[in-house]
N, C-alpha and C. Protein backbone atom coordinates (compact mmCIF):
# COMPACT_ATOMS: atom_id res chain seq x y z
N MET A 1 3.71 10.72 -7.78
CA MET A 1 3.35 10.62 -6.20
C MET A 1 5.09 10.03 -5.72
N ALA A 2 5.28 9.01 -6.22
CA ALA A 2 6.30 8.56 -5.81
C ALA A 2 7.50 9.76 -5.51
N GLN A 3 7.66 10.70 -6.61
CA GLN A 3 8.50 11.79 -6.40
C GLN A 3 8.07 12.46 -5.23
N GLU A 4 7.17 13.10 -5.62
CA GLU A 4 6.41 14.01 -4.10
C GLU A 4 7.37 13.14 -2.60
N LYS A 5 6.93 11.93 -2.72
CA LYS A 5 6.81 11.37 -1.37
C LYS A 5 8.69 11.03 -1.42
N ARG A 6 9.43 11.59 -2.46
CA ARG A 6 10.84 11.51 -1.72
C ARG A 6 11.55 12.74 -2.13
N LYS A 7 10.63 13.80 -1.72
CA LYS A 7 10.97 15.17 -1.31
C LYS A 7 11.10 15.21 0.40
N TYR A 8 10.13 14.17 0.82
CA TYR A 8 10.16 14.17 2.18
C TYR A 8 11.07 13.30 3.22
N SER A 9 11.89 13.53 4.00
CA SER A 9 12.33 12.57 4.85
C SER A 9 11.62 11.79 5.48
N ALA A 10 12.43 10.31 5.99
CA ALA A 10 11.65 9.39 6.75
C ALA A 10 11.47 10.10 8.27
N SER A 11 12.08 10.86 8.85
CA SER A 11 11.80 11.78 10.20
C SER A 11 10.31 12.35 9.69
N GLN A 12 10.58 13.18 8.83
CA GLN A 12 9.27 14.13 8.04
C GLN A 12 8.29 13.27 8.26
N LYS A 13 8.09 12.12 7.49
CA LYS A 13 6.97 11.57 7.51
C LYS A 13 6.79 10.68 8.52
N ALA A 14 7.78 10.13 9.34
CA ALA A 14 7.42 9.76 10.66
C ALA A 14 6.69 10.63 11.69
N GLU A 15 6.90 11.82 11.72
CA GLU A 15 6.35 12.99 12.67
C GLU A 15 4.97 13.30 12.16
N TRP A 16 4.78 13.17 10.58
CA TRP A 16 3.20 13.39 9.94
C TRP A 16 2.25 11.97 10.62
N SER A 17 2.60 11.00 10.49
CA SER A 17 2.35 9.82 10.74
C SER A 17 1.89 9.67 12.15
N SER A 18 2.84 10.24 13.04
CA SER A 18 2.22 10.15 14.50
C SER A 18 0.97 11.44 14.55
N SER A 19 1.09 12.57 14.05
CA SER A 19 0.18 13.21 14.07
C SER A 19 -0.97 12.77 13.47
N LEU A 20 -0.97 12.16 12.53
CA LEU A 20 -2.07 11.48 12.23
C LEU A 20 -3.40 10.83 12.96
N PHE A 21 -2.67 9.54 13.96
CA PHE A 21 -2.87 8.90 14.18
C PHE A 21 -3.22 9.45 15.53
N GLN A 22 -2.56 10.45 16.63
CA GLN A 22 -2.74 11.31 17.52
C GLN A 22 -4.46 11.59 17.72
N LYS A 23 -4.61 12.37 16.27
CA LYS A 23 -5.62 12.38 16.23
C LYS A 23 -6.76 11.54 15.85
N LEU A 24 -6.51 10.46 15.11
CA LEU A 24 -7.53 9.25 14.69
C LEU A 24 -7.72 8.75 15.84
N GLU A 25 -7.35 8.62 17.05
CA GLU A 25 -7.39 7.66 18.19
C GLU A 25 -8.57 8.52 18.97
N ASP A 26 -8.65 9.82 18.62
CA ASP A 26 -9.92 10.51 19.69
C ASP A 26 -11.42 10.41 18.37
N HIS A 27 -11.02 9.54 17.63
CA HIS A 27 -12.76 9.37 16.33
C HIS A 27 -13.55 8.40 17.18
N PRO A 28 -15.01 8.74 17.74
CA PRO A 28 -15.52 8.19 18.10
C PRO A 28 -15.64 6.53 17.39
N LEU A 29 -15.57 6.62 16.55
CA LEU A 29 -15.48 5.04 15.99
C LEU A 29 -14.19 4.38 16.45
N PHE A 30 -13.41 5.19 16.14
CA PHE A 30 -11.91 4.02 16.99
C PHE A 30 -12.16 3.75 18.32
N LEU A 31 -12.70 4.74 18.83
CA LEU A 31 -12.79 4.79 20.23
C LEU A 31 -13.71 3.48 20.67
N GLN A 32 -14.87 3.42 20.06
CA GLN A 32 -15.65 2.38 20.24
C GLN A 32 -15.08 0.91 19.47
N ALA A 33 -14.16 0.96 18.49
CA ALA A 33 -14.59 -0.53 17.83
C ALA A 33 -13.72 -1.13 18.79
N LYS A 34 -14.04 -2.40 18.54
CA LYS A 34 -13.18 -3.78 19.64
C LYS A 34 -12.46 -4.28 18.63
N THR A 35 -12.24 -4.08 17.15
CA THR A 35 -11.71 -4.93 16.04
C THR A 35 -11.46 -3.97 15.08
N ILE A 36 -10.15 -3.59 14.56
CA ILE A 36 -9.60 -2.86 13.82
C ILE A 36 -8.32 -3.27 12.92
N LEU A 37 -9.06 -3.40 11.35
CA LEU A 37 -8.18 -3.99 10.15
C LEU A 37 -7.22 -2.57 9.80
N LEU A 38 -5.63 -3.11 10.36
CA LEU A 38 -4.57 -2.05 10.06
C LEU A 38 -3.98 -2.65 9.16
N TYR A 39 -2.75 -2.10 8.46
CA TYR A 39 -1.84 -2.98 7.56
C TYR A 39 -0.56 -2.44 8.10
N HIS A 40 0.35 -3.24 8.27
CA HIS A 40 2.00 -2.94 8.55
C HIS A 40 2.86 -2.27 7.08
N SER A 41 2.82 -1.02 7.99
CA SER A 41 3.04 -0.13 6.44
C SER A 41 4.79 -0.19 6.10
N LEU A 42 4.52 0.30 4.26
CA LEU A 42 6.23 0.36 4.11
C LEU A 42 6.65 1.36 4.05
N PRO A 43 7.58 1.86 3.79
CA PRO A 43 8.74 2.76 4.14
C PRO A 43 8.16 4.10 3.50
N ASP A 44 6.89 4.01 2.25
CA ASP A 44 6.47 5.41 1.52
C ASP A 44 4.91 5.47 2.28
N GLU A 45 4.55 4.78 2.69
CA GLU A 45 3.30 4.94 3.77
C GLU A 45 2.89 5.41 4.95
N VAL A 46 1.92 6.05 5.24
CA VAL A 46 1.88 6.20 6.58
C VAL A 46 2.21 5.20 7.33
N GLU A 47 3.41 5.57 8.43
CA GLU A 47 3.50 4.64 9.48
C GLU A 47 2.83 4.24 10.45
N THR A 48 2.34 2.79 10.42
CA THR A 48 1.84 2.14 11.45
C THR A 48 2.30 1.39 12.58
N HIS A 49 3.48 1.09 12.56
CA HIS A 49 4.02 0.27 13.34
C HIS A 49 3.96 0.56 14.80
N ALA A 50 3.91 2.20 14.84
CA ALA A 50 4.09 2.15 16.76
C ALA A 50 2.70 2.48 16.95
N PHE A 51 1.79 2.89 16.20
CA PHE A 51 0.50 2.64 16.49
C PHE A 51 -0.28 1.16 16.84
N ILE A 52 0.28 0.49 15.88
CA ILE A 52 -0.01 -1.13 16.37
C ILE A 52 0.52 -1.43 17.37
N GLU A 53 1.59 -1.24 17.96
CA GLU A 53 2.15 -1.57 19.38
C GLU A 53 1.52 -0.75 20.44
N ARG A 54 0.96 0.11 20.20
CA ARG A 54 0.25 1.06 21.29
C ARG A 54 -1.14 0.39 21.27
N TRP A 55 -1.63 -0.20 20.51
CA TRP A 55 -3.23 -0.54 20.69
C TRP A 55 -3.22 -1.95 20.62
N TYR A 56 -2.24 -2.41 19.82
CA TYR A 56 -2.45 -4.17 20.11
C TYR A 56 -2.77 -4.83 21.37
N PRO A 57 -2.39 -4.29 22.97
CA PRO A 57 -2.87 -4.55 23.84
C PRO A 57 -3.98 -4.50 24.33
N HIS A 58 -5.00 -3.26 23.60
CA HIS A 58 -6.38 -2.98 24.47
C HIS A 58 -6.89 -3.54 23.10
N LYS A 59 -7.26 -3.68 22.08
CA LYS A 59 -7.94 -3.68 20.54
C LYS A 59 -7.51 -5.14 20.07
N ARG A 60 -8.54 -5.66 19.38
CA ARG A 60 -7.86 -6.88 17.86
C ARG A 60 -7.51 -5.99 16.99
N ILE A 61 -6.14 -6.07 16.85
CA ILE A 61 -5.77 -5.48 15.83
C ILE A 61 -5.57 -6.81 14.48
N ILE A 62 -6.00 -6.45 13.42
CA ILE A 62 -5.94 -7.44 12.70
C ILE A 62 -5.35 -7.12 11.15
N LEU A 63 -4.05 -7.41 10.47
CA LEU A 63 -3.35 -6.85 9.43
C LEU A 63 -3.59 -8.22 8.30
N PRO A 64 -3.64 -7.66 7.01
CA PRO A 64 -3.71 -8.66 5.66
C PRO A 64 -2.60 -9.39 5.66
N LEU A 65 -2.31 -10.00 4.99
CA LEU A 65 -1.48 -11.08 4.16
C LEU A 65 -1.77 -11.00 2.71
N VAL A 66 -1.10 -11.10 1.82
CA VAL A 66 -1.26 -11.41 0.61
C VAL A 66 -1.16 -12.61 0.49
N LYS A 67 -2.27 -13.29 0.00
CA LYS A 67 -2.52 -15.03 -0.99
C LYS A 67 -3.21 -14.78 -2.33
N GLY A 68 -2.02 -15.22 -2.93
CA GLY A 68 -2.54 -15.13 -5.01
C GLY A 68 -2.96 -13.80 -4.73
N ASP A 69 -4.39 -13.72 -5.13
CA ASP A 69 -4.92 -12.13 -5.97
C ASP A 69 -5.57 -11.73 -4.27
N GLU A 70 -5.40 -12.31 -3.74
CA GLU A 70 -6.41 -11.47 -2.55
C GLU A 70 -5.77 -11.73 -1.18
N LEU A 71 -6.55 -10.57 -0.50
CA LEU A 71 -6.28 -10.44 1.22
C LEU A 71 -6.96 -11.37 1.89
N GLU A 72 -5.88 -11.67 2.89
CA GLU A 72 -6.25 -12.60 4.00
C GLU A 72 -6.03 -11.86 4.98
N PHE A 73 -7.05 -12.17 6.24
CA PHE A 73 -6.66 -11.09 7.52
C PHE A 73 -6.40 -12.09 8.69
N ARG A 74 -5.47 -11.76 9.09
CA ARG A 74 -5.11 -12.64 10.23
C ARG A 74 -4.53 -11.70 11.82
N TYR A 75 -4.98 -12.23 12.85
CA TYR A 75 -4.79 -11.29 13.99
C TYR A 75 -3.04 -11.01 14.41
N TYR A 76 -3.17 -9.58 14.68
CA TYR A 76 -1.82 -9.46 15.11
C TYR A 76 -1.59 -10.10 16.02
N GLU A 77 -0.22 -10.67 16.49
CA GLU A 77 -0.18 -11.26 18.05
C GLU A 77 1.14 -10.83 18.27
N GLY A 78 1.79 -9.63 17.80
CA GLY A 78 2.96 -9.43 18.59
C GLY A 78 4.45 -8.93 17.13
N LYS A 79 5.32 -8.42 17.52
CA LYS A 79 6.37 -8.41 16.45
C LYS A 79 6.38 -9.54 15.98
N LYS A 80 6.82 -10.67 17.13
CA LYS A 80 7.54 -11.94 16.64
C LYS A 80 6.29 -12.64 15.63
N SER A 81 5.14 -12.29 15.63
CA SER A 81 4.10 -13.00 14.70
C SER A 81 4.25 -12.34 13.17
N LEU A 82 5.05 -11.51 13.27
CA LEU A 82 5.50 -11.08 11.70
C LEU A 82 6.38 -11.98 10.72
N GLN A 83 6.30 -11.97 9.54
CA GLN A 83 7.11 -12.74 9.08
C GLN A 83 7.41 -11.46 7.44
N THR A 84 8.45 -11.72 6.80
CA THR A 84 8.50 -10.97 5.43
C THR A 84 7.61 -11.63 4.44
N GLY A 85 6.83 -11.30 3.85
CA GLY A 85 6.28 -11.56 2.92
C GLY A 85 6.26 -11.27 1.73
N SER A 86 4.65 -11.44 0.99
CA SER A 86 4.65 -10.69 -0.58
C SER A 86 5.41 -9.24 -0.54
N PHE A 87 6.10 -8.83 -1.50
CA PHE A 87 6.36 -7.51 -1.82
C PHE A 87 7.33 -6.77 -0.86
N GLY A 88 7.92 -7.82 0.02
CA GLY A 88 8.80 -7.31 1.18
C GLY A 88 8.00 -6.49 2.15
N ILE A 89 6.61 -7.33 2.37
CA ILE A 89 5.97 -6.80 3.12
C ILE A 89 5.83 -7.33 4.57
N GLU A 90 6.13 -6.67 5.53
CA GLU A 90 5.94 -7.81 6.67
C GLU A 90 4.39 -7.82 7.02
N GLU A 91 4.27 -9.50 6.96
CA GLU A 91 3.01 -9.70 7.27
C GLU A 91 2.72 -11.18 8.81
N PRO A 92 1.42 -10.34 9.17
CA PRO A 92 0.92 -11.39 9.94
C PRO A 92 1.08 -13.09 9.81
N THR A 93 1.30 -13.81 10.82
CA THR A 93 1.27 -15.31 11.05
C THR A 93 0.41 -15.69 12.10
N GLY A 94 -0.43 -14.77 13.02
CA GLY A 94 -1.27 -15.20 13.56
C GLY A 94 -2.79 -15.84 13.12
N ARG A 95 -3.89 -16.40 14.06
CA ARG A 95 -4.49 -16.95 13.92
C ARG A 95 -5.45 -16.16 12.45
N LYS A 96 -5.96 -16.79 11.62
CA LYS A 96 -7.00 -16.18 10.32
C LYS A 96 -8.20 -15.37 10.96
N VAL A 97 -8.41 -14.89 10.43
CA VAL A 97 -9.62 -14.12 10.85
C VAL A 97 -11.03 -14.86 10.21
N GLU A 98 -11.72 -15.80 10.84
CA GLU A 98 -13.16 -16.51 10.19
C GLU A 98 -14.13 -15.90 9.93
N ASN A 99 -14.45 -14.48 10.73
CA ASN A 99 -15.48 -13.85 11.08
C ASN A 99 -15.15 -12.45 10.53
N LEU A 100 -15.47 -12.52 9.13
CA LEU A 100 -15.19 -10.83 8.91
C LEU A 100 -16.08 -9.81 9.14
N ALA A 101 -16.90 -10.04 9.53
CA ALA A 101 -18.20 -9.41 10.33
C ALA A 101 -17.79 -8.75 11.77
N GLU A 102 -16.60 -9.34 12.38
CA GLU A 102 -15.94 -8.58 13.86
C GLU A 102 -15.33 -7.60 13.23
N ILE A 103 -14.81 -7.23 12.02
CA ILE A 103 -14.30 -6.10 11.90
C ILE A 103 -15.13 -4.89 11.75
N GLU A 104 -14.64 -4.25 12.56
CA GLU A 104 -15.57 -2.60 12.73
C GLU A 104 -15.21 -1.35 11.81
N LEU A 105 -13.42 -1.25 11.90
CA LEU A 105 -13.29 -0.32 11.67
C LEU A 105 -12.15 -0.85 10.53
N SER A 106 -12.18 -0.12 9.29
CA SER A 106 -10.59 -0.25 8.86
C SER A 106 -9.90 0.54 8.30
N ILE A 107 -8.46 0.71 8.60
CA ILE A 107 -7.64 2.31 8.07
C ILE A 107 -6.59 1.55 6.58
N VAL A 108 -6.62 2.29 6.27
CA VAL A 108 -6.48 1.64 4.43
C VAL A 108 -5.30 2.78 3.99
N PRO A 109 -4.25 2.14 3.64
CA PRO A 109 -3.11 3.13 3.04
C PRO A 109 -4.01 3.39 1.41
N GLY A 110 -2.84 4.10 0.83
CA GLY A 110 -3.31 4.55 -0.84
C GLY A 110 -2.38 5.24 -0.98
N VAL A 111 -2.03 5.26 -2.56
CA VAL A 111 -0.99 5.86 -2.98
C VAL A 111 -0.98 7.05 -3.18
N ALA A 112 -2.83 7.93 -3.29
CA ALA A 112 -3.59 9.30 -3.48
C ALA A 112 -5.04 8.80 -2.82
N PHE A 113 -5.65 10.13 -2.19
CA PHE A 113 -6.96 9.83 -2.07
C PHE A 113 -7.43 11.26 -3.19
N ASP A 114 -9.03 11.30 -3.17
CA ASP A 114 -9.13 12.73 -3.31
C ASP A 114 -10.53 13.25 -2.85
N ARG A 115 -11.01 14.42 -3.02
CA ARG A 115 -11.74 14.73 -1.90
C ARG A 115 -13.30 14.20 -1.98
N THR A 116 -13.55 13.20 -2.95
CA THR A 116 -14.62 12.28 -2.65
C THR A 116 -14.52 11.05 -1.97
N GLY A 117 -13.40 10.65 -1.54
CA GLY A 117 -13.02 9.53 -0.94
C GLY A 117 -12.45 8.42 -1.70
N ASN A 118 -12.58 8.70 -2.77
CA ASN A 118 -11.69 8.04 -3.88
C ASN A 118 -10.36 7.44 -3.15
N ARG A 119 -9.73 6.49 -3.89
CA ARG A 119 -8.54 5.81 -3.38
C ARG A 119 -7.78 5.14 -4.69
N LEU A 120 -6.31 5.73 -4.81
CA LEU A 120 -5.67 5.13 -5.52
C LEU A 120 -4.82 4.11 -5.20
N GLY A 121 -4.85 2.75 -5.24
CA GLY A 121 -4.05 1.97 -4.76
C GLY A 121 -2.70 1.68 -5.71
N ARG A 122 -2.33 0.74 -5.32
CA ARG A 122 -0.67 0.34 -6.04
C ARG A 122 -1.33 -0.14 -7.81
N GLY A 123 -2.38 -0.56 -7.84
CA GLY A 123 -2.87 -1.09 -9.08
C GLY A 123 -3.04 -2.89 -9.09
N LYS A 124 -3.33 -3.74 -8.22
CA LYS A 124 -3.59 -4.81 -8.11
C LYS A 124 -4.88 -5.36 -8.04
N GLY A 125 -5.74 -3.96 -7.15
CA GLY A 125 -7.37 -4.17 -6.92
C GLY A 125 -6.91 -5.49 -5.27
N TYR A 126 -5.94 -5.48 -4.58
CA TYR A 126 -6.12 -6.31 -3.43
C TYR A 126 -7.00 -5.51 -2.36
N TYR A 127 -6.77 -4.23 -1.92
CA TYR A 127 -8.05 -3.75 -1.58
C TYR A 127 -9.44 -3.63 -1.46
N ASP A 128 -9.49 -3.37 -2.87
CA ASP A 128 -10.31 -3.28 -3.47
C ASP A 128 -11.50 -4.14 -3.33
N ARG A 129 -11.12 -5.71 -3.65
CA ARG A 129 -11.70 -6.85 -3.51
C ARG A 129 -11.79 -7.10 -2.34
N ALA A 130 -10.94 -6.84 -1.38
CA ALA A 130 -11.06 -7.49 0.30
C ALA A 130 -12.44 -6.24 0.98
N LEU A 131 -12.14 -5.29 0.87
CA LEU A 131 -13.16 -4.09 1.37
C LEU A 131 -14.59 -4.60 0.76
N SER A 132 -14.95 -4.72 -0.61
CA SER A 132 -15.75 -5.62 -1.26
C SER A 132 -16.50 -6.81 0.01
N ARG A 133 -15.85 -7.45 0.55
CA ARG A 133 -16.10 -8.78 1.63
C ARG A 133 -16.46 -8.24 3.04
N LEU A 134 -16.08 -6.69 3.26
CA LEU A 134 -16.36 -6.31 4.80
C LEU A 134 -17.33 -5.49 4.86
N HIS A 135 -17.74 -5.46 5.92
CA HIS A 135 -19.12 -4.10 6.45
C HIS A 135 -18.41 -3.17 7.33
N SER A 136 -17.28 -2.68 7.19
CA SER A 136 -16.61 -2.15 8.48
C SER A 136 -16.73 -0.38 7.81
N TYR A 137 -16.21 0.22 8.59
CA TYR A 137 -16.23 1.97 8.12
C TYR A 137 -15.16 1.98 7.61
N ASN A 138 -14.72 2.47 6.77
CA ASN A 138 -13.35 2.67 6.03
C ASN A 138 -13.06 3.72 6.24
N ILE A 139 -11.08 4.27 6.65
CA ILE A 139 -11.01 5.28 6.58
C ILE A 139 -9.64 5.17 6.02
N GLY A 140 -9.55 6.25 4.80
CA GLY A 140 -8.30 5.93 3.69
C GLY A 140 -7.22 7.13 5.07
N VAL A 141 -5.85 6.94 5.18
CA VAL A 141 -5.12 7.50 5.50
C VAL A 141 -3.50 7.86 4.60
N CYS A 142 -3.73 9.02 4.45
CA CYS A 142 -2.37 9.45 3.56
C CYS A 142 -1.71 10.67 3.87
N PHE A 143 -0.46 11.22 3.52
CA PHE A 143 -0.04 12.62 3.69
C PHE A 143 -0.94 13.69 2.84
N HIS A 144 -0.68 14.75 3.28
CA HIS A 144 -1.61 15.70 2.46
C HIS A 144 -1.09 15.79 1.60
N PHE A 145 0.21 15.98 1.23
CA PHE A 145 0.83 15.75 -0.36
C PHE A 145 -0.12 15.06 -1.38
N GLN A 146 -0.39 13.99 -0.74
CA GLN A 146 -1.28 13.00 -1.36
C GLN A 146 -2.63 12.91 -1.75
N LEU A 147 -3.23 14.09 -1.66
CA LEU A 147 -4.31 14.48 -1.92
C LEU A 147 -4.37 15.17 -3.47
N CYS A 148 -5.34 14.67 -4.18
CA CYS A 148 -5.71 15.22 -5.59
C CYS A 148 -7.10 15.47 -5.38
N PRO A 149 -6.95 16.18 -6.37
CA PRO A 149 -8.24 17.24 -6.75
C PRO A 149 -9.70 15.81 -7.20
N HIS A 150 -8.81 14.66 -8.12
CA HIS A 150 -10.12 13.93 -8.78
C HIS A 150 -9.22 12.57 -9.12
N ILE A 151 -9.61 11.26 -8.68
CA ILE A 151 -9.09 10.07 -8.87
C ILE A 151 -10.37 9.14 -10.23
N PRO A 152 -9.75 8.97 -11.25
CA PRO A 152 -10.96 8.69 -11.64
C PRO A 152 -10.63 7.00 -11.01
N THR A 153 -12.28 6.65 -10.94
CA THR A 153 -12.73 5.34 -10.55
C THR A 153 -13.56 4.11 -11.57
N GLU A 154 -13.49 2.65 -11.29
CA GLU A 154 -13.84 2.23 -11.97
C GLU A 154 -15.05 1.36 -11.05
N PRO A 155 -15.73 0.41 -10.92
CA PRO A 155 -17.01 0.18 -10.59
C PRO A 155 -16.78 -0.44 -9.40
N THR A 156 -15.28 -1.32 -9.41
CA THR A 156 -15.08 -2.15 -8.61
C THR A 156 -14.19 -1.52 -7.38
N ASP A 157 -14.12 0.16 -7.79
CA ASP A 157 -13.32 0.53 -6.39
C ASP A 157 -14.14 0.68 -5.41
N ARG A 158 -13.63 0.87 -4.21
CA ARG A 158 -14.53 0.89 -3.07
C ARG A 158 -14.03 2.33 -2.53
N PRO A 159 -14.66 3.54 -2.57
CA PRO A 159 -14.70 4.86 -1.92
C PRO A 159 -14.73 4.63 -0.26
N MET A 160 -13.84 5.26 0.65
CA MET A 160 -13.83 5.63 1.78
C MET A 160 -14.61 6.59 2.12
N HIS A 161 -15.73 6.04 3.61
CA HIS A 161 -15.59 6.92 4.43
C HIS A 161 -15.72 8.75 4.49
N GLU A 162 -14.29 8.16 4.87
CA GLU A 162 -13.27 9.08 5.18
C GLU A 162 -11.79 8.71 4.35
N VAL A 163 -11.35 10.27 4.77
CA VAL A 163 -9.98 10.28 4.60
C VAL A 163 -9.15 11.39 5.29
N TRP A 164 -8.15 10.90 5.78
CA TRP A 164 -7.21 11.65 7.01
C TRP A 164 -6.23 11.62 6.39
N THR A 165 -5.70 12.65 6.70
CA THR A 165 -4.08 13.45 6.65
C THR A 165 -3.69 13.91 7.87
N GLU A 166 -2.24 14.33 8.04
CA GLU A 166 -1.59 14.71 9.23
C GLU A 166 -2.60 15.78 9.73
N GLU A 167 -3.20 16.26 9.02
CA GLU A 167 -3.99 17.75 9.71
C GLU A 167 -5.58 17.22 10.13
N GLY A 168 -5.65 15.47 9.92
CA GLY A 168 -7.02 15.41 10.57
C GLY A 168 -7.48 14.94 9.23
N CYS A 169 -8.87 15.11 9.52
CA CYS A 169 -10.02 14.35 8.88
C CYS A 169 -10.01 15.72 7.29
N VAL A 170 -10.20 15.21 6.27
CA VAL A 170 -10.23 16.34 5.10
C VAL A 170 -10.66 15.58 4.44
N TYR A 171 -11.76 14.40 4.65
CA TYR A 171 -13.28 14.16 3.76
C TYR A 171 -13.68 13.20 4.38
N SER A 172 -15.06 13.48 4.61
CA SER A 172 -15.79 12.40 5.51
C SER A 172 -17.68 12.50 4.69
N THR A 173 -18.04 11.45 4.68
CA THR A 173 -19.28 11.07 3.71
C THR A 173 -20.37 11.58 5.08
N GLU A 174 -19.93 11.77 6.00
CA GLU A 174 -21.00 12.72 7.54
C GLU A 174 -20.81 13.89 6.87
N HIS A 175 -19.29 14.64 6.68
CA HIS A 175 -19.97 15.95 7.12
C HIS A 175 -19.29 16.72 5.83
N ASN A 176 -18.73 15.91 5.14
CA ASN A 176 -17.93 16.69 3.77
C ASN A 176 -17.02 17.30 3.61
N VAL A 177 -16.30 17.17 4.68
CA VAL A 177 -15.46 17.97 4.96
C VAL A 177 -14.03 18.49 3.91
N HIS A 178 -13.72 19.46 3.69
CA HIS A 178 -12.59 20.01 2.57
C HIS A 178 -11.57 20.99 2.57
N ASP A 179 -11.13 21.10 3.95
CA ASP A 179 -10.05 21.57 4.27
C ASP A 179 -8.94 21.49 3.71
N ASN A 180 -8.44 22.67 3.35
CA ASN A 180 -6.77 22.53 2.74
C ASN A 180 -6.73 22.01 1.05
N LEU A 181 -7.98 21.27 0.46
CA LEU A 181 -8.15 20.47 -1.03
C LEU A 181 -7.06 21.42 -2.11
């Protein structure tokens, strides 16, 4: 997958990211949600920076922070509230989220996803452990080339409710969408 990612320019991935989030903005659960867990993207992930800036004045945006073997969740309070943390990721320095039940929607990155909502992460299990503590609706986001026919899973893996690419929703527990897989 790392080799696949190198085939595409940063501007192409930025264009796809923008397309994905323009579509996701019309999702009924996104429109209803007051508190959303996002991630501050790395260069090889679906780019979230512009989306976060666009929506944080209107919704409570929560970002993860690596603390040991777990993800801690903090409120996003603007660009100046970020600092470089573990793995070179810009992490939030805002208030810690005490009530995880307020997170209604989680938008989750992945190295790859399959047609049944399974997610391949970076191998440390941070998101699987974190999502097991949440009661949010979980949407995995990736570029279309990151869709795989099958991802092996373990009992601790947390499948997504939906998977989205720049082409829109490609998997949903509700509608079982399998376009272009």
